[in-house]
Amino acid sequence: MNHLFKTLILLLLFVLQSFAQINPGARQIALAHSDASYSNDVFQIFNNPAGLALAKNREVGMYYSPAPFDTKEMANAFAAYCEPTPYGTFSAGFSIYGFELYKETQFALGYGRKVTENFFVGGTAIYKNLTIKNYGSKGTLLFNLGGIATLNEQIGFGFAVENITRSTLSSETGQLPTVLWGGLHLKVVKEFTFSAALRKEVGYNPSIRIGAEYSMLDFIRLRFGAQNEPNIFSGGFGFIYQFLQVDYAVFKHPDLDLTHQFGLILRFAK
């Protein structure tokens, strides 16, 4: 019976893999990943790496989703570090997803740099390894690229390409998705930012994302997001105090249970 249960979970992982493996962190997920044009925290190594160029402080970030869709076998965790320098921002990250039958790990190195006062670029190299019990493991190297352009302090645009190399873990193409992102944001007032993005995975319909973030009392952030393909609503909040940022996010898939995410970022002035 236990073997049958594990087999069913393994099949479920294959079917829901693309839904469960959402890039971190909790802030980005609460905004439905509509923030491609302005987020600048350490987790941008896994999202739009151009955002690393906007980082002002040394950061350490940790993210954990204990049971996506109320399934603990889909638990995933990320950790990342970034170091701004006069030559750009350097970053490193790690992630793990799955359980003893099916497990994915990633090791990432990222870099972001300011090209002009209004244009920033970045890239991430990721080594991805997949291990399936009794079948062995396989790894591959893939690359992500991104850019951010700002018109002024209120308006900006961003783009990113995930797996621009079309890397795969086998001879079968499309096993690892290639994803195109484009987005914009508008800071309506100092305390309120609206963002929108379009996600297009090669071979699938595009997904529209929108999000809003409201800063309250200087240390509280309220966030909301929505997307289609599939229709998902998300939300969350963040607390920022001195060098510490704690984030929470939740989203609801139309056919599955709630998914909760938690994030922690430590910032150290250079």
Protein backbone atom coordinates (compact mmCIF):
# COMPACT_ATOMS: atom_id res chain seq x y z
CA MET A 1 0.00 0.00 0.00
CA ASN A 2 2.85 2.35 0.89
CA HIS A 3 4.56 1.58 -2.43
CA LEU A 4 1.32 2.30 -4.31
CA PHE A 5 0.96 5.63 -2.50
CA LYS A 6 4.50 6.66 -3.41
CA THR A 7 3.92 5.68 -7.03
CA LEU A 8 0.77 7.79 -7.18
CA ILE A 9 2.63 10.73 -5.66
CA LEU A 10 5.38 10.32 -8.25
CA LEU A 11 2.81 10.44 -11.05
CA LEU A 12 1.23 13.49 -9.45
CA LEU A 13 4.61 15.21 -9.38
CA PHE A 14 5.03 14.69 -13.11
CA VAL A 15 1.55 16.00 -13.88
CA LEU A 16 1.73 19.06 -11.61
CA GLN A 17 5.43 19.80 -11.89
CA SER A 18 5.01 23.02 -13.87
CA PHE A 19 2.49 24.37 -11.33
CA ALA A 20 4.45 23.43 -8.20
CA GLN A 21 7.81 24.79 -9.26
CA ILE A 22 7.08 28.47 -9.04
CA ASN A 23 10.13 30.69 -8.86
CA PRO A 24 10.75 32.37 -5.48
CA GLY A 25 10.26 34.44 -3.38
CA ALA A 26 7.12 35.01 -1.37
CA ARG A 27 6.87 38.66 -2.45
CA GLN A 28 7.05 37.75 -6.14
CA ILE A 29 4.44 35.02 -5.77
CA ALA A 30 2.02 37.29 -3.90
CA LEU A 31 2.27 39.65 -6.90
CA ALA A 32 1.66 36.76 -9.34
CA HIS A 33 5.17 37.37 -10.72
CA SER A 34 3.98 40.60 -12.31
CA ASP A 35 7.05 42.41 -10.94
CA ALA A 36 9.58 41.60 -13.68
CA SER A 37 10.31 45.29 -14.20
CA TYR A 38 11.12 46.43 -10.68
CA SER A 39 11.87 43.77 -8.04
CA ASN A 40 15.45 44.05 -6.83
CA ASP A 41 15.90 41.53 -4.04
CA VAL A 42 18.23 38.54 -3.83
CA PHE A 43 15.66 36.13 -5.36
CA GLN A 44 15.97 37.87 -8.72
CA ILE A 45 18.76 35.41 -9.48
CA PHE A 46 15.92 32.93 -10.18
CA ASN A 47 13.58 35.46 -11.84
CA ASN A 48 14.77 38.50 -13.82
CA PRO A 49 18.52 38.66 -13.07
CA ALA A 50 18.65 42.29 -14.23
CA GLY A 51 16.99 43.12 -10.92
CA LEU A 52 20.23 42.17 -9.18
CA ALA A 53 21.78 45.33 -10.63
CA LEU A 54 19.30 47.37 -8.58
CA ALA A 55 20.32 45.79 -5.26
CA LYS A 56 21.80 48.29 -2.81
CA ASN A 57 22.84 45.97 0.01
CA ARG A 58 24.42 42.59 0.60
CA GLU A 59 21.51 40.16 1.02
CA VAL A 60 20.87 36.61 2.17
CA GLY A 61 17.48 35.13 1.32
CA MET A 62 15.64 31.94 2.23
CA TYR A 63 12.32 30.74 0.85
CA TYR A 64 10.20 27.70 1.70
CA SER A 65 6.93 26.26 0.45
CA PRO A 66 6.19 23.29 2.75
CA ALA A 67 3.26 21.64 0.94
CA PRO A 68 2.17 23.05 -2.43
CA PHE A 69 -1.48 22.11 -3.06
CA ASP A 70 -1.44 20.49 0.40
CA THR A 71 1.04 17.87 -0.85
CA LYS A 72 4.21 17.77 1.27
CA GLU A 73 6.02 15.66 -1.34
CA MET A 74 6.08 18.80 -3.51
CA ALA A 75 7.89 20.86 -0.88
CA ASN A 76 10.51 23.20 -2.30
CA ALA A 77 13.11 25.51 -0.82
CA PHE A 78 15.48 28.16 -2.16
CA ALA A 79 18.45 30.02 -0.73
CA ALA A 80 20.34 32.89 -2.34
CA TYR A 81 23.05 35.46 -1.68
CA CYS A 82 23.97 38.66 -3.51
CA GLU A 83 26.94 41.00 -3.24
CA PRO A 84 26.81 44.45 -4.87
CA THR A 85 30.21 45.75 -6.01
CA PRO A 86 31.45 48.67 -8.13
CA TYR A 87 31.60 46.16 -11.02
CA GLY A 88 28.04 44.92 -10.70
CA THR A 89 26.14 42.58 -8.39
CA PHE A 90 27.28 38.97 -8.03
CA SER A 91 24.92 36.31 -6.75
CA ALA A 92 24.70 32.60 -5.95
CA GLY A 93 21.71 30.39 -5.22
CA PHE A 94 20.51 26.87 -4.50
CA SER A 95 17.14 25.13 -4.61
CA ILE A 96 15.68 21.71 -3.88
CA TYR A 97 12.30 20.25 -4.84
CA GLY A 98 10.61 16.88 -4.32
CA PHE A 99 11.18 13.88 -2.05
CA GLU A 100 13.06 10.57 -2.04
CA LEU A 101 11.48 9.18 -5.23
CA TYR A 102 11.76 12.33 -7.34
CA LYS A 103 14.10 15.20 -6.53
CA GLU A 104 15.37 18.25 -8.41
CA THR A 105 18.26 20.43 -7.29
CA GLN A 106 19.61 23.63 -8.80
CA PHE A 107 22.86 25.52 -8.34
CA ALA A 108 22.88 29.06 -9.72
CA LEU A 109 25.40 31.85 -10.33
CA GLY A 110 24.05 35.25 -11.31
CA TYR A 111 25.28 38.70 -12.27
CA GLY A 112 23.54 42.04 -12.80
CA ARG A 113 25.02 45.33 -13.99
CA LYS A 114 23.96 48.91 -14.64
CA VAL A 115 24.66 49.78 -18.29
CA THR A 116 23.34 53.35 -18.16
CA GLU A 117 21.41 55.35 -15.58
CA ASN A 118 18.19 53.89 -16.96
CA PHE A 119 19.13 50.45 -18.30
CA PHE A 120 20.18 47.32 -16.42
CA VAL A 121 21.04 43.81 -17.60
CA GLY A 122 21.66 40.48 -15.91
CA GLY A 123 22.23 36.79 -16.46
CA THR A 124 22.06 33.54 -14.50
CA ALA A 125 23.76 30.21 -15.15
CA ILE A 126 21.92 27.28 -13.58
CA TYR A 127 23.04 23.67 -13.21
CA LYS A 128 19.89 21.57 -12.87
CA ASN A 129 19.97 17.97 -11.67
CA LEU A 130 17.08 15.49 -11.66
CA THR A 131 17.18 12.28 -9.61
CA ILE A 132 14.54 9.54 -9.88
CA LYS A 133 14.88 6.59 -7.54
CA ASN A 134 15.93 3.37 -9.31
CA TYR A 135 16.50 5.32 -12.55
CA GLY A 136 19.54 7.40 -11.65
CA SER A 137 20.17 11.09 -12.16
CA LYS A 138 20.89 13.51 -14.99
CA GLY A 139 22.03 17.11 -15.04
CA THR A 140 22.25 19.97 -17.53
CA LEU A 141 23.34 23.60 -17.71
CA LEU A 142 20.94 26.36 -18.73
CA PHE A 143 21.05 30.15 -18.90
CA ASN A 144 18.59 32.96 -18.13
CA LEU A 145 18.90 36.56 -19.35
CA GLY A 146 17.04 39.73 -18.45
CA GLY A 147 16.88 43.49 -18.76
CA ILE A 148 15.18 46.45 -17.06
CA ALA A 149 14.65 49.94 -18.47
CA THR A 150 13.26 52.86 -16.47
CA LEU A 151 11.74 56.00 -17.93
CA ASN A 152 11.73 57.74 -14.55
CA GLU A 153 11.12 56.90 -10.90
CA GLN A 154 7.48 56.07 -11.64
CA ILE A 155 7.56 53.95 -14.82
CA GLY A 156 9.72 51.01 -15.88
CA PHE A 157 9.82 48.03 -18.22
CA GLY A 158 11.41 44.61 -17.90
CA PHE A 159 12.02 41.46 -19.91
CA ALA A 160 13.55 38.06 -19.23
CA VAL A 161 14.16 34.74 -20.96
CA GLU A 162 14.38 31.52 -18.96
CA ASN A 163 16.40 28.68 -20.49
CA ILE A 164 17.44 30.73 -23.49
CA THR A 165 19.75 27.85 -24.46
CA ARG A 166 16.78 25.43 -24.85
CA SER A 167 18.65 22.98 -22.64
CA THR A 168 17.13 19.58 -21.91
CA LEU A 169 17.80 16.58 -19.70
CA SER A 170 17.45 14.09 -22.57
CA SER A 171 17.22 13.92 -26.35
CA GLU A 172 13.56 14.93 -26.07
CA THR A 173 13.15 18.65 -26.75
CA GLY A 174 10.93 20.84 -24.59
CA GLN A 175 11.56 18.80 -21.46
CA LEU A 176 12.76 21.96 -19.71
CA PRO A 177 10.60 24.92 -20.69
CA THR A 178 11.83 28.07 -22.39
CA VAL A 179 9.86 31.00 -21.00
CA LEU A 180 9.63 34.61 -22.20
CA TRP A 181 8.68 37.42 -19.81
CA GLY A 182 7.74 41.04 -20.44
CA GLY A 183 6.44 43.48 -17.87
CA LEU A 184 5.92 47.05 -16.75
CA HIS A 185 5.17 48.89 -13.54
CA LEU A 186 3.69 52.20 -12.53
CA LYS A 187 4.31 53.80 -9.16
CA VAL A 188 0.98 55.61 -8.87
CA VAL A 189 2.02 57.30 -5.64
CA LYS A 190 4.98 56.72 -3.34
CA GLU A 191 3.11 54.07 -1.36
CA PHE A 192 1.39 52.21 -4.22
CA THR A 193 2.85 50.30 -7.19
CA PHE A 194 0.84 48.61 -9.94
CA SER A 195 2.55 46.01 -12.13
CA ALA A 196 1.63 43.84 -15.09
CA ALA A 197 3.48 41.11 -16.98
CA LEU A 198 3.05 38.64 -19.81
CA ARG A 199 4.52 35.14 -19.47
CA LYS A 200 4.86 33.00 -22.61
CA GLU A 201 6.14 29.45 -22.35
CA VAL A 202 7.15 28.15 -25.77
CA GLY A 203 4.40 25.85 -27.03
CA TYR A 204 1.72 27.10 -24.63
CA ASN A 205 -0.75 29.96 -24.38
CA PRO A 206 0.50 33.23 -22.84
CA SER A 207 -0.39 34.07 -19.26
CA ILE A 208 -1.28 37.62 -18.18
CA ARG A 209 -0.22 38.68 -14.68
CA ILE A 210 -1.21 41.75 -12.67
CA GLY A 211 -0.20 42.81 -9.18
CA ALA A 212 -0.39 45.64 -6.67
CA GLU A 213 1.79 46.46 -3.67
CA TYR A 214 0.86 48.96 -0.98
CA SER A 215 3.34 50.26 1.60
CA MET A 216 1.72 50.98 4.94
CA LEU A 217 3.37 52.54 8.01
CA ASP A 218 6.82 52.27 6.35
CA PHE A 219 7.32 48.68 7.56
CA ILE A 220 4.25 46.78 6.29
CA ARG A 221 3.66 45.73 2.67
CA LEU A 222 0.32 44.43 1.42
CA ARG A 223 0.36 42.55 -1.90
CA PHE A 224 -2.22 41.16 -4.31
CA GLY A 225 -1.95 39.39 -7.65
CA ALA A 226 -3.93 37.56 -10.31
CA GLN A 227 -3.20 35.61 -13.49
CA ASN A 228 -4.85 33.49 -16.17
CA GLU A 229 -3.67 30.24 -17.80
CA PRO A 230 -4.54 28.96 -15.22
CA ASN A 231 -6.77 31.36 -13.26
CA ILE A 232 -4.95 31.94 -9.97
CA PHE A 233 -5.43 34.59 -7.30
CA SER A 234 -2.64 35.38 -4.87
CA GLY A 235 -1.88 37.68 -1.98
CA GLY A 236 0.42 38.22 0.93
CA PHE A 237 2.22 40.65 3.16
CA GLY A 238 5.69 41.61 4.29
CA PHE A 239 7.22 43.09 7.43
CA ILE A 240 10.41 45.10 7.13
CA TYR A 241 12.36 46.14 10.22
CA GLN A 242 15.91 47.45 9.93
CA PHE A 243 17.91 44.64 8.24
CA LEU A 244 15.12 42.03 8.43
CA GLN A 245 12.33 41.32 5.92
CA VAL A 246 9.76 38.57 6.52
CA ASP A 247 7.29 37.72 3.73
CA TYR A 248 4.26 35.48 3.38
CA ALA A 249 2.28 34.56 0.26
CA VAL A 250 -0.67 32.34 -0.57
CA PHE A 251 -2.30 31.44 -3.87
CA LYS A 252 -5.31 29.41 -4.94
CA HIS A 253 -5.36 27.17 -7.99
CA PRO A 254 -8.92 26.72 -9.38
CA ASP A 255 -8.86 22.93 -8.94
CA LEU A 256 -6.36 22.41 -6.11
CA ASP A 257 -5.79 23.35 -2.48
CA LEU A 258 -4.16 26.52 -1.18
CA THR A 259 -0.39 26.88 -1.41
CA HIS A 260 1.53 28.81 1.26
CA GLN A 261 5.01 30.32 0.92
CA PHE A 262 7.36 31.91 3.42
CA GLY A 263 10.37 34.12 2.81
CA LEU A 264 13.14 35.69 4.87
CA ILE A 265 15.66 38.27 3.66
CA LEU A 266 18.56 39.67 5.69
CA ARG A 267 20.13 42.90 4.44
CA PHE A 268 23.57 44.08 5.49
CA ALA A 269 24.79 47.58 4.66
CA LYS A 270 28.14 47.62 2.88
